[in-house]
Amino acid sequence: MKEFILKRERIFHFLSLAIIALSLFLKVPEQKLGTLITGILCLLILSFFKNQKYLIWVYAILIVAAGVFYYVMTTGKLNSL
């Protein structure tokens, strides 16, 4: 599985970025969070397979930030977006 993903790394990278871009156009917060986390997790897995330690930390922080942003959006403090 690892070899398959690394062989087609550019395709998976592009699809991950497309999923992240798709999350920008969704209105429902649950769908937005789900697609955003899916895209970031795909990038995290690619970084893990390529042994890129710094990017693993960056993507992990982005996942936490997405969760915090979702919490702020759903509690009503940032509903104007």
PDB file of N, CA and C in Angstrom:
ATOM      1  N   MET A   1       0.822  -1.184   0.000  1.00  0.00           N
ATOM      2  CA  MET A   1       0.000   0.000   0.000  1.00  0.00           C
ATOM      3  C   MET A   1       0.874   1.259   0.000  1.00  0.00           C
ATOM      4  N   LYS A   2       1.926   1.224   0.819  1.00  0.00           N
ATOM      5  CA  LYS A   2       2.820   2.378   0.900  1.00  0.00           C
ATOM      6  C   LYS A   2       3.483   2.643  -0.448  1.00  0.00           C
ATOM      7  N   GLU A   3       3.898   1.600  -1.105  1.00  0.00           N
ATOM      8  CA  GLU A   3       4.559   1.762  -2.408  1.00  0.00           C
ATOM      9  C   GLU A   3       3.585   2.311  -3.452  1.00  0.00           C
ATOM     10  N   PHE A   4       2.344   1.852  -3.402  1.00  0.00           N
ATOM     11  CA  PHE A   4       1.335   2.333  -4.341  1.00  0.00           C
ATOM     12  C   PHE A   4       1.080   3.827  -4.156  1.00  0.00           C
ATOM     13  N   ILE A   5       0.958   4.246  -2.913  1.00  0.00           N
ATOM     14  CA  ILE A   5       0.709   5.660  -2.627  1.00  0.00           C
ATOM     15  C   ILE A   5       1.909   6.514  -3.014  1.00  0.00           C
ATOM     16  N   LEU A   6       3.100   6.044  -2.713  1.00  0.00           N
ATOM     17  CA  LEU A   6       4.289   6.828  -3.055  1.00  0.00           C
ATOM     18  C   LEU A   6       4.521   6.877  -4.567  1.00  0.00           C
ATOM     19  N   LYS A   7       4.111   5.822  -5.268  1.00  0.00           N
ATOM     20  CA  LYS A   7       4.275   5.826  -6.722  1.00  0.00           C
ATOM     21  C   LYS A   7       3.365   6.863  -7.374  1.00  0.00           C
ATOM     22  N   ARG A   8       2.186   7.050  -6.802  1.00  0.00           N
ATOM     23  CA  ARG A   8       1.213   8.005  -7.328  1.00  0.00           C
ATOM     24  C   ARG A   8       1.037   9.182  -6.376  1.00  0.00           C
ATOM     25  N   GLU A   9       2.139   9.637  -5.849  1.00  0.00           N
ATOM     26  CA  GLU A   9       2.115  10.686  -4.831  1.00  0.00           C
ATOM     27  C   GLU A   9       1.487  11.986  -5.347  1.00  0.00           C
ATOM     28  N   ARG A  10       1.828  12.380  -6.545  1.00  0.00           N
ATOM     29  CA  ARG A  10       1.297  13.643  -7.083  1.00  0.00           C
ATOM     30  C   ARG A  10      -0.215  13.604  -7.245  1.00  0.00           C
ATOM     31  N   ILE A  11      -0.738  12.465  -7.628  1.00  0.00           N
ATOM     32  CA  ILE A  11      -2.189  12.327  -7.785  1.00  0.00           C
ATOM     33  C   ILE A  11      -2.871  12.462  -6.432  1.00  0.00           C
ATOM     34  N   PHE A  12      -2.352  11.774  -5.412  1.00  0.00           N
ATOM     35  CA  PHE A  12      -2.936  11.859  -4.079  1.00  0.00           C
ATOM     36  C   PHE A  12      -2.787  13.264  -3.497  1.00  0.00           C
ATOM     37  N   HIS A  13      -1.674  13.905  -3.767  1.00  0.00           N
ATOM     38  CA  HIS A  13      -1.452  15.266  -3.291  1.00  0.00           C
ATOM     39  C   HIS A  13      -2.463  16.221  -3.938  1.00  0.00           C
ATOM     40  N   PHE A  14      -2.654  16.103  -5.225  1.00  0.00           N
ATOM     41  CA  PHE A  14      -3.623  16.948  -5.924  1.00  0.00           C
ATOM     42  C   PHE A  14      -5.038  16.698  -5.424  1.00  0.00           C
ATOM     43  N   LEU A  15      -5.415  15.433  -5.248  1.00  0.00           N
ATOM     44  CA  LEU A  15      -6.756  15.124  -4.760  1.00  0.00           C
ATOM     45  C   LEU A  15      -6.974  15.641  -3.339  1.00  0.00           C
ATOM     46  N   SER A  16      -5.944  15.576  -2.516  1.00  0.00           N
ATOM     47  CA  SER A  16      -6.049  16.104  -1.155  1.00  0.00           C
ATOM     48  C   SER A  16      -6.278  17.607  -1.168  1.00  0.00           C
ATOM     49  N   LEU A  17      -5.542  18.299  -2.015  1.00  0.00           N
ATOM     50  CA  LEU A  17      -5.726  19.749  -2.121  1.00  0.00           C
ATOM     51  C   LEU A  17      -7.091  20.091  -2.695  1.00  0.00           C
ATOM     52  N   ALA A  18      -7.588  19.270  -3.613  1.00  0.00           N
ATOM     53  CA  ALA A  18      -8.925  19.496  -4.171  1.00  0.00           C
ATOM     54  C   ALA A  18      -9.998  19.309  -3.100  1.00  0.00           C
ATOM     55  N   ILE A  19      -9.819  18.324  -2.229  1.00  0.00           N
ATOM     56  CA  ILE A  19     -10.776  18.109  -1.143  1.00  0.00           C
ATOM     57  C   ILE A  19     -10.762  19.294  -0.180  1.00  0.00           C
ATOM     58  N   ILE A  20      -9.577  19.812   0.116  1.00  0.00           N
ATOM     59  CA  ILE A  20      -9.476  20.974   1.000  1.00  0.00           C
ATOM     60  C   ILE A  20     -10.140  22.185   0.346  1.00  0.00           C
ATOM     61  N   ALA A  21      -9.928  22.368  -0.944  1.00  0.00           N
ATOM     62  CA  ALA A  21     -10.559  23.490  -1.649  1.00  0.00           C
ATOM     63  C   ALA A  21     -12.076  23.321  -1.685  1.00  0.00           C
ATOM     64  N   LEU A  22     -12.553  22.107  -1.806  1.00  0.00           N
ATOM     65  CA  LEU A  22     -13.991  21.850  -1.814  1.00  0.00           C
ATOM     66  C   LEU A  22     -14.624  22.274  -0.494  1.00  0.00           C
ATOM     67  N   SER A  23     -13.909  22.105   0.592  1.00  0.00           N
ATOM     68  CA  SER A  23     -14.470  22.455   1.901  1.00  0.00           C
ATOM     69  C   SER A  23     -14.739  23.958   2.018  1.00  0.00           C
ATOM     70  N   LEU A  24     -14.087  24.768   1.223  1.00  0.00           N
ATOM     71  CA  LEU A  24     -14.330  26.210   1.261  1.00  0.00           C
ATOM     72  C   LEU A  24     -15.721  26.572   0.762  1.00  0.00           C
ATOM     73  N   PHE A  25     -16.296  25.758  -0.104  1.00  0.00           N
ATOM     74  CA  PHE A  25     -17.571  26.080  -0.728  1.00  0.00           C
ATOM     75  C   PHE A  25     -18.770  25.452  -0.036  1.00  0.00           C
ATOM     76  N   LEU A  26     -18.535  24.675   0.994  1.00  0.00           N
ATOM     77  CA  LEU A  26     -19.640  24.042   1.721  1.00  0.00           C
ATOM     78  C   LEU A  26     -20.172  24.990   2.796  1.00  0.00           C
ATOM     79  N   LYS A  27     -21.460  24.936   3.029  1.00  0.00           N
ATOM     80  CA  LYS A  27     -22.095  25.826   4.007  1.00  0.00           C
ATOM     81  C   LYS A  27     -22.326  25.151   5.358  1.00  0.00           C
ATOM     82  N   VAL A  28     -22.590  23.856   5.355  1.00  0.00           N
ATOM     83  CA  VAL A  28     -22.883  23.139   6.596  1.00  0.00           C
ATOM     84  C   VAL A  28     -21.559  22.893   7.337  1.00  0.00           C
ATOM     85  N   PRO A  29     -21.464  23.339   8.596  1.00  0.00           N
ATOM     86  CA  PRO A  29     -20.193  23.217   9.325  1.00  0.00           C
ATOM     87  C   PRO A  29     -19.694  21.778   9.471  1.00  0.00           C
ATOM     88  N   GLU A  30     -20.614  20.826   9.650  1.00  0.00           N
ATOM     89  CA  GLU A  30     -20.191  19.431   9.811  1.00  0.00           C
ATOM     90  C   GLU A  30     -19.562  18.896   8.529  1.00  0.00           C
ATOM     91  N   GLN A  31     -20.164  19.242   7.383  1.00  0.00           N
ATOM     92  CA  GLN A  31     -19.599  18.809   6.108  1.00  0.00           C
ATOM     93  C   GLN A  31     -18.274  19.516   5.840  1.00  0.00           C
ATOM     94  N   LYS A  32     -18.210  20.785   6.197  1.00  0.00           N
ATOM     95  CA  LYS A  32     -16.990  21.555   6.000  1.00  0.00           C
ATOM     96  C   LYS A  32     -15.844  20.944   6.810  1.00  0.00           C
ATOM     97  N   LEU A  33     -16.112  20.620   8.076  1.00  0.00           N
ATOM     98  CA  LEU A  33     -15.078  20.037   8.926  1.00  0.00           C
ATOM     99  C   LEU A  33     -14.675  18.657   8.424  1.00  0.00           C
ATOM    100  N   GLY A  34     -15.658  17.856   8.025  1.00  0.00           N
ATOM    101  CA  GLY A  34     -15.356  16.504   7.550  1.00  0.00           C
ATOM    102  C   GLY A  34     -14.479  16.500   6.311  1.00  0.00           C
ATOM    103  N   THR A  35     -14.801  17.337   5.344  1.00  0.00           N
ATOM    104  CA  THR A  35     -13.989  17.367   4.124  1.00  0.00           C
ATOM    105  C   THR A  35     -12.611  17.980   4.381  1.00  0.00           C
ATOM    106  N   LEU A  36     -12.563  19.001   5.225  1.00  0.00           N
ATOM    107  CA  LEU A  36     -11.276  19.624   5.545  1.00  0.00           C
ATOM    108  C   LEU A  36     -10.350  18.653   6.259  1.00  0.00           C
ATOM    109  N   ILE A  37     -10.877  17.937   7.232  1.00  0.00           N
ATOM    110  CA  ILE A  37     -10.050  16.977   7.976  1.00  0.00           C
ATOM    111  C   ILE A  37      -9.643  15.813   7.080  1.00  0.00           C
ATOM    112  N   THR A  38     -10.522  15.392   6.175  1.00  0.00           N
ATOM    113  CA  THR A  38     -10.166  14.324   5.236  1.00  0.00           C
ATOM    114  C   THR A  38      -8.996  14.747   4.361  1.00  0.00           C
ATOM    115  N   GLY A  39      -9.044  15.959   3.826  1.00  0.00           N
ATOM    116  CA  GLY A  39      -7.945  16.454   2.995  1.00  0.00           C
ATOM    117  C   GLY A  39      -6.645  16.585   3.760  1.00  0.00           C
ATOM    118  N   ILE A  40      -6.724  17.110   4.980  1.00  0.00           N
ATOM    119  CA  ILE A  40      -5.512  17.268   5.783  1.00  0.00           C
ATOM    120  C   ILE A  40      -4.956  15.902   6.186  1.00  0.00           C
ATOM    121  N   LEU A  41      -5.835  14.952   6.494  1.00  0.00           N
ATOM    122  CA  LEU A  41      -5.363  13.605   6.847  1.00  0.00           C
ATOM    123  C   LEU A  41      -4.666  12.935   5.670  1.00  0.00           C
ATOM    124  N   CYS A  42      -5.172  13.153   4.460  1.00  0.00           N
ATOM    125  CA  CYS A  42      -4.499  12.592   3.284  1.00  0.00           C
ATOM    126  C   CYS A  42      -3.088  13.177   3.139  1.00  0.00           C
ATOM    127  N   LEU A  43      -2.963  14.477   3.328  1.00  0.00           N
ATOM    128  CA  LEU A  43      -1.640  15.095   3.271  1.00  0.00           C
ATOM    129  C   LEU A  43      -0.749  14.602   4.408  1.00  0.00           C
ATOM    130  N   LEU A  44      -1.336  14.381   5.577  1.00  0.00           N
ATOM    131  CA  LEU A  44      -0.584  13.857   6.721  1.00  0.00           C
ATOM    132  C   LEU A  44      -0.060  12.454   6.435  1.00  0.00           C
ATOM    133  N   ILE A  45      -0.886  11.625   5.826  1.00  0.00           N
ATOM    134  CA  ILE A  45      -0.461  10.266   5.488  1.00  0.00           C
ATOM    135  C   ILE A  45       0.664  10.292   4.459  1.00  0.00           C
ATOM    136  N   LEU A  46       0.538  11.165   3.456  1.00  0.00           N
ATOM    137  CA  LEU A  46       1.620  11.295   2.472  1.00  0.00           C
ATOM    138  C   LEU A  46       2.922  11.728   3.135  1.00  0.00           C
ATOM    139  N   SER A  47       2.835  12.683   4.046  1.00  0.00           N
ATOM    140  CA  SER A  47       4.034  13.145   4.748  1.00  0.00           C
ATOM    141  C   SER A  47       4.614  12.047   5.629  1.00  0.00           C
ATOM    142  N   PHE A  48       3.743  11.252   6.233  1.00  0.00           N
ATOM    143  CA  PHE A  48       4.212  10.149   7.070  1.00  0.00           C
ATOM    144  C   PHE A  48       4.968   9.117   6.231  1.00  0.00           C
ATOM    145  N   PHE A  49       4.445   8.795   5.059  1.00  0.00           N
ATOM    146  CA  PHE A  49       5.109   7.816   4.196  1.00  0.00           C
ATOM    147  C   PHE A  49       6.429   8.337   3.651  1.00  0.00           C
ATOM    148  N   LYS A  50       6.548   9.653   3.480  1.00  0.00           N
ATOM    149  CA  LYS A  50       7.786  10.231   2.962  1.00  0.00           C
ATOM    150  C   LYS A  50       8.746  10.639   4.071  1.00  0.00           C
ATOM    151  N   ASN A  51       8.391  10.361   5.323  1.00  0.00           N
ATOM    152  CA  ASN A  51       9.212  10.675   6.502  1.00  0.00           C
ATOM    153  C   ASN A  51       9.551  12.163   6.590  1.00  0.00           C
ATOM    154  N   GLN A  52       8.565  13.009   6.400  1.00  0.00           N
ATOM    155  CA  GLN A  52       8.731  14.459   6.528  1.00  0.00           C
ATOM    156  C   GLN A  52       8.192  14.873   7.894  1.00  0.00           C
ATOM    157  N   LYS A  53       9.094  14.895   8.879  1.00  0.00           N
ATOM    158  CA  LYS A  53       8.690  15.095  10.271  1.00  0.00           C
ATOM    159  C   LYS A  53       8.039  16.459  10.512  1.00  0.00           C
ATOM    160  N   TYR A  54       8.591  17.507   9.913  1.00  0.00           N
ATOM    161  CA  TYR A  54       8.048  18.846  10.153  1.00  0.00           C
ATOM    162  C   TYR A  54       6.646  18.992   9.567  1.00  0.00           C
ATOM    163  N   LEU A  55       6.421  18.451   8.399  1.00  0.00           N
ATOM    164  CA  LEU A  55       5.084  18.539   7.808  1.00  0.00           C
ATOM    165  C   LEU A  55       4.059  17.726   8.592  1.00  0.00           C
ATOM    166  N   ILE A  56       4.491  16.648   9.204  1.00  0.00           N
ATOM    167  CA  ILE A  56       3.581  15.871  10.039  1.00  0.00           C
ATOM    168  C   ILE A  56       3.077  16.736  11.187  1.00  0.00           C
ATOM    169  N   TRP A  57       3.988  17.480  11.812  1.00  0.00           N
ATOM    170  CA  TRP A  57       3.590  18.377  12.908  1.00  0.00           C
ATOM    171  C   TRP A  57       2.693  19.497  12.404  1.00  0.00           C
ATOM    172  N   VAL A  58       3.006  20.057  11.253  1.00  0.00           N
ATOM    173  CA  VAL A  58       2.198  21.143  10.692  1.00  0.00           C
ATOM    174  C   VAL A  58       0.781  20.657  10.411  1.00  0.00           C
ATOM    175  N   TYR A  59       0.641  19.498   9.798  1.00  0.00           N
ATOM    176  CA  TYR A  59      -0.686  18.980   9.486  1.00  0.00           C
ATOM    177  C   TYR A  59      -1.447  18.592  10.750  1.00  0.00           C
ATOM    178  N   ALA A  60      -0.750  18.085  11.758  1.00  0.00           N
ATOM    179  CA  ALA A  60      -1.410  17.765  13.022  1.00  0.00           C
ATOM    180  C   ALA A  60      -1.941  19.040  13.683  1.00  0.00           C
ATOM    181  N   ILE A  61      -1.172  20.113  13.633  1.00  0.00           N
ATOM    182  CA  ILE A  61      -1.624  21.391  14.192  1.00  0.00           C
ATOM    183  C   ILE A  61      -2.807  21.927  13.391  1.00  0.00           C
ATOM    184  N   LEU A  62      -2.783  21.744  12.075  1.00  0.00           N
ATOM    185  CA  LEU A  62      -3.910  22.190  11.249  1.00  0.00           C
ATOM    186  C   LEU A  62      -5.191  21.426  11.569  1.00  0.00           C
ATOM    187  N   ILE A  63      -5.073  20.154  11.895  1.00  0.00           N
ATOM    188  CA  ILE A  63      -6.257  19.376  12.275  1.00  0.00           C
ATOM    189  C   ILE A  63      -6.838  19.911  13.575  1.00  0.00           C
ATOM    190  N   VAL A  64      -5.974  20.212  14.531  1.00  0.00           N
ATOM    191  CA  VAL A  64      -6.440  20.779  15.801  1.00  0.00           C
ATOM    192  C   VAL A  64      -7.074  22.151  15.564  1.00  0.00           C
ATOM    193  N   ALA A  65      -6.448  22.965  14.727  1.00  0.00           N
ATOM    194  CA  ALA A  65      -6.996  24.292  14.422  1.00  0.00           C
ATOM    195  C   ALA A  65      -8.356  24.186  13.737  1.00  0.00           C
ATOM    196  N   ALA A  66      -8.525  23.200  12.876  1.00  0.00           N
ATOM    197  CA  ALA A  66      -9.821  22.998  12.222  1.00  0.00           C
ATOM    198  C   ALA A  66     -10.889  22.628  13.254  1.00  0.00           C
ATOM    199  N   GLY A  67     -10.515  21.806  14.216  1.00  0.00           N
ATOM    200  CA  GLY A  67     -11.454  21.454  15.285  1.00  0.00           C
ATOM    201  C   GLY A  67     -11.836  22.657  16.134  1.00  0.00           C
ATOM    202  N   VAL A  68     -10.871  23.506  16.443  1.00  0.00           N
ATOM    203  CA  VAL A  68     -11.153  24.721  17.215  1.00  0.00           C
ATOM    204  C   VAL A  68     -12.040  25.662  16.406  1.00  0.00           C
ATOM    205  N   PHE A  69     -11.749  25.821  15.128  1.00  0.00           N
ATOM    206  CA  PHE A  69     -12.561  26.676  14.278  1.00  0.00           C
ATOM    207  C   PHE A  69     -13.989  26.151  14.181  1.00  0.00           C
ATOM    208  N   TYR A  70     -14.148  24.843  14.077  1.00  0.00           N
ATOM    209  CA  TYR A  70     -15.486  24.246  14.051  1.00  0.00           C
ATOM    210  C   TYR A  70     -16.229  24.537  15.348  1.00  0.00           C
ATOM    211  N   TYR A  71     -15.535  24.407  16.475  1.00  0.00           N
ATOM    212  CA  TYR A  71     -16.156  24.688  17.773  1.00  0.00           C
ATOM    213  C   TYR A  71     -16.614  26.138  17.847  1.00  0.00           C
ATOM    214  N   VAL A  72     -15.789  27.053  17.380  1.00  0.00           N
ATOM    215  CA  VAL A  72     -16.151  28.469  17.403  1.00  0.00           C
ATOM    216  C   VAL A  72     -17.328  28.744  16.466  1.00  0.00           C
ATOM    217  N   MET A  73     -17.353  28.096  15.307  1.00  0.00           N
ATOM    218  CA  MET A  73     -18.456  28.298  14.356  1.00  0.00           C
ATOM    219  C   MET A  73     -19.776  27.767  14.896  1.00  0.00           C
ATOM    220  N   THR A  74     -19.760  26.633  15.563  1.00  0.00           N
ATOM    221  CA  THR A  74     -21.009  26.016  16.004  1.00  0.00           C
ATOM    222  C   THR A  74     -21.521  26.584  17.311  1.00  0.00           C
ATOM    223  N   THR A  75     -20.696  27.256  18.094  1.00  0.00           N
ATOM    224  CA  THR A  75     -21.186  27.841  19.349  1.00  0.00           C
ATOM    225  C   THR A  75     -21.821  29.201  19.127  1.00  0.00           C
ATOM    226  N   GLY A  76     -21.779  29.713  17.879  1.00  0.00           N
ATOM    227  CA  GLY A  76     -22.449  30.952  17.564  1.00  0.00           C
ATOM    228  C   GLY A  76     -21.586  32.186  17.618  1.00  0.00           C
ATOM    229  N   LYS A  77     -20.321  32.052  17.940  1.00  0.00           N
ATOM    230  CA  LYS A  77     -19.453  33.214  18.044  1.00  0.00           C
ATOM    231  C   LYS A  77     -18.943  33.680  16.689  1.00  0.00           C
ATOM    232  N   LEU A  78     -19.081  32.819  15.671  1.00  0.00           N
ATOM    233  CA  LEU A  78     -18.565  33.156  14.363  1.00  0.00           C
ATOM    234  C   LEU A  78     -19.561  32.734  13.270  1.00  0.00           C
ATOM    235  N   ASN A  79     -20.836  32.941  13.509  1.00  0.00           N
ATOM    236  CA  ASN A  79     -21.869  32.509  12.568  1.00  0.00           C
ATOM    237  C   ASN A  79     -21.997  33.405  11.359  1.00  0.00           C
ATOM    238  N   SER A  80     -21.361  34.551  11.344  1.00  0.00           N
ATOM    239  CA  SER A  80     -21.515  35.472  10.223  1.00  0.00           C
ATOM    240  C   SER A  80     -20.821  34.987   8.962  1.00  0.00           C
ATOM    241  N   LEU A  81     -19.937  33.995   9.070  1.00  0.00           N
ATOM    242  CA  LEU A  81     -19.275  33.449   7.879  1.00  0.00           C
ATOM    243  C   LEU A  81     -20.260  32.595   7.170  1.00  0.00           C
TER     244      LEU A  81
END
